[in-house]
């Protein structure tokens, strides 16, 4: 049986720019590098297994300004999927409602939360 290629879904920021791509469950930046993953419950984690936020219905990654502590903040990440070729063109962003003051658009306001394995402030030192 032939394997069906997985769909590449653009993940937008509140300005309507495709800032990431989802090939379920993996998230990639515009360069095609792995930056995180999404659980079946739409929770988003960084490549280090740190909780980042939730994937909204309008394909944004959002998080609460004051995050509750009941959610696991570090879980074991899946194996790195390697680099992908990102689409040359993407559809226009869907109409997005205004975020409430209690939510932050991660890709617009805190993009450093989703970084590659070889960057980011939480990576191990090379010493």
Protein backbone atom coordinates (compact mmCIF):
# COMPACT_ATOMS: atom_id res chain seq x y z
CA UNK A 1 0.00 0.00 0.00
CA UNK A 2 1.38 3.41 -0.98
CA UNK A 3 2.02 5.89 1.80
CA UNK A 4 -0.10 9.04 1.55
CA UNK A 5 2.02 12.19 1.84
CA UNK A 6 1.08 14.29 4.85
CA UNK A 7 -0.43 17.70 4.30
CA UNK A 8 1.59 20.81 5.16
CA UNK A 9 -0.60 23.24 7.10
CA UNK A 10 0.49 26.88 7.44
CA UNK A 11 0.43 28.27 10.98
CA UNK A 12 -0.26 32.00 10.97
CA UNK A 13 0.48 34.83 13.36
CA UNK A 14 -2.05 37.57 14.14
CA UNK A 15 -0.66 39.74 11.34
CA UNK A 16 -1.69 37.06 8.83
CA UNK A 17 1.85 35.85 8.03
CA UNK A 18 2.57 32.14 7.76
CA UNK A 19 5.28 31.89 10.42
CA UNK A 20 5.41 28.10 10.79
CA UNK A 21 4.20 24.90 9.14
CA UNK A 22 2.59 21.83 10.63
CA UNK A 23 3.15 18.36 9.20
CA UNK A 24 1.34 16.57 11.99
CA UNK A 25 2.61 16.26 14.61
CA UNK A 26 5.79 18.25 13.82
CA UNK A 27 6.10 22.04 13.56
CA UNK A 28 8.68 23.66 11.28
CA UNK A 29 9.90 27.24 10.79
CA UNK A 30 9.85 29.02 7.41
CA UNK A 31 13.26 27.50 6.62
CA UNK A 32 11.89 23.97 7.11
CA UNK A 33 13.74 23.33 10.39
CA UNK A 34 12.00 21.47 13.23
CA UNK A 35 10.85 23.81 16.02
CA UNK A 36 8.29 21.78 17.96
CA UNK A 37 5.31 19.47 17.85
CA UNK A 38 1.57 19.36 18.48
CA UNK A 39 -0.22 16.73 20.57
CA UNK A 40 -3.62 15.28 19.59
CA UNK A 41 -5.09 17.66 22.24
CA UNK A 42 -3.57 20.58 20.24
CA UNK A 43 -0.96 21.34 22.91
CA UNK A 44 2.23 22.79 21.40
CA UNK A 45 5.69 21.88 22.75
CA UNK A 46 9.15 23.10 21.75
CA UNK A 47 11.89 20.76 20.48
CA UNK A 48 13.13 20.58 24.08
CA UNK A 49 9.74 19.36 25.35
CA UNK A 50 8.79 22.66 26.99
CA UNK A 51 5.10 23.62 26.86
CA UNK A 52 4.53 26.57 24.52
CA UNK A 53 0.76 26.96 24.13
CA UNK A 54 -2.23 25.68 22.18
CA UNK A 55 -3.02 25.51 18.47
CA UNK A 56 -6.20 27.57 18.01
CA UNK A 57 -8.98 26.86 15.53
CA UNK A 58 -7.77 29.73 13.34
CA UNK A 59 -4.29 28.12 13.14
CA UNK A 60 -2.45 30.38 15.56
CA UNK A 61 -0.34 29.26 18.51
CA UNK A 62 -1.66 31.01 21.60
CA UNK A 63 -0.90 30.83 25.31
CA UNK A 64 -2.36 32.37 28.43
CA UNK A 65 -0.48 35.35 29.84
CA UNK A 66 -0.73 33.79 33.30
CA UNK A 67 -0.23 30.08 32.62
CA UNK A 68 -1.60 27.57 35.11
CA UNK A 69 0.78 25.05 36.62
CA UNK A 70 -1.41 21.93 36.16
CA UNK A 71 -0.11 21.25 32.63
CA UNK A 72 3.17 19.34 32.21
CA UNK A 73 5.78 21.91 31.25
CA UNK A 74 8.47 19.50 30.12
CA UNK A 75 7.81 16.21 28.38
CA UNK A 76 10.03 13.95 26.34
CA UNK A 77 10.18 15.18 22.72
CA UNK A 78 9.70 12.87 19.74
CA UNK A 79 12.63 12.02 17.50
CA UNK A 80 13.73 14.83 15.20
CA UNK A 81 11.99 14.50 11.83
CA UNK A 82 14.69 16.31 9.87
CA UNK A 83 14.24 19.28 7.58
CA UNK A 84 11.33 19.72 5.17
CA UNK A 85 10.87 21.75 2.02
CA UNK A 86 8.35 24.46 2.82
CA UNK A 87 5.74 25.55 0.29
CA UNK A 88 6.71 28.40 -2.04
CA UNK A 89 3.25 29.91 -1.70
CA UNK A 90 0.65 29.66 1.04
CA UNK A 91 -3.05 30.51 1.11
CA UNK A 92 -4.15 33.79 2.62
CA UNK A 93 -4.70 33.64 6.35
CA UNK A 94 -8.25 32.98 7.53
CA UNK A 95 -10.13 35.84 9.14
CA UNK A 96 -9.00 35.88 12.74
CA UNK A 97 -10.85 37.31 15.68
CA UNK A 98 -9.08 39.66 18.06
CA UNK A 99 -7.32 37.85 20.90
CA UNK A 100 -8.50 38.63 24.39
CA UNK A 101 -6.06 40.37 26.73
CA UNK A 102 -5.50 37.07 28.56
CA UNK A 103 -3.97 35.40 25.44
CA UNK A 104 -0.62 35.90 23.71
CA UNK A 105 0.07 35.07 20.06
CA UNK A 106 3.28 33.05 20.46
CA UNK A 107 4.55 33.43 16.88
CA UNK A 108 3.99 37.21 16.92
CA UNK A 109 4.93 38.08 20.50
CA UNK A 110 7.21 35.30 21.77
CA UNK A 111 8.70 33.50 18.73
CA UNK A 112 11.80 32.57 20.75
CA UNK A 113 9.71 29.91 22.51
CA UNK A 114 9.81 27.87 19.27
CA UNK A 115 13.43 27.51 18.21
CA UNK A 116 15.55 24.86 16.52
CA UNK A 117 17.56 22.24 18.41
CA UNK A 118 20.80 24.18 17.93
CA UNK A 119 19.50 27.52 19.23
CA UNK A 120 17.47 28.92 22.11
CA UNK A 121 18.31 29.94 25.64
CA UNK A 122 17.52 26.54 27.19
CA UNK A 123 19.98 24.52 25.10
CA UNK A 124 22.98 22.91 26.79
CA UNK A 125 26.30 24.76 26.74
CA UNK A 126 29.00 23.44 24.45
CA UNK A 127 31.66 23.38 27.21
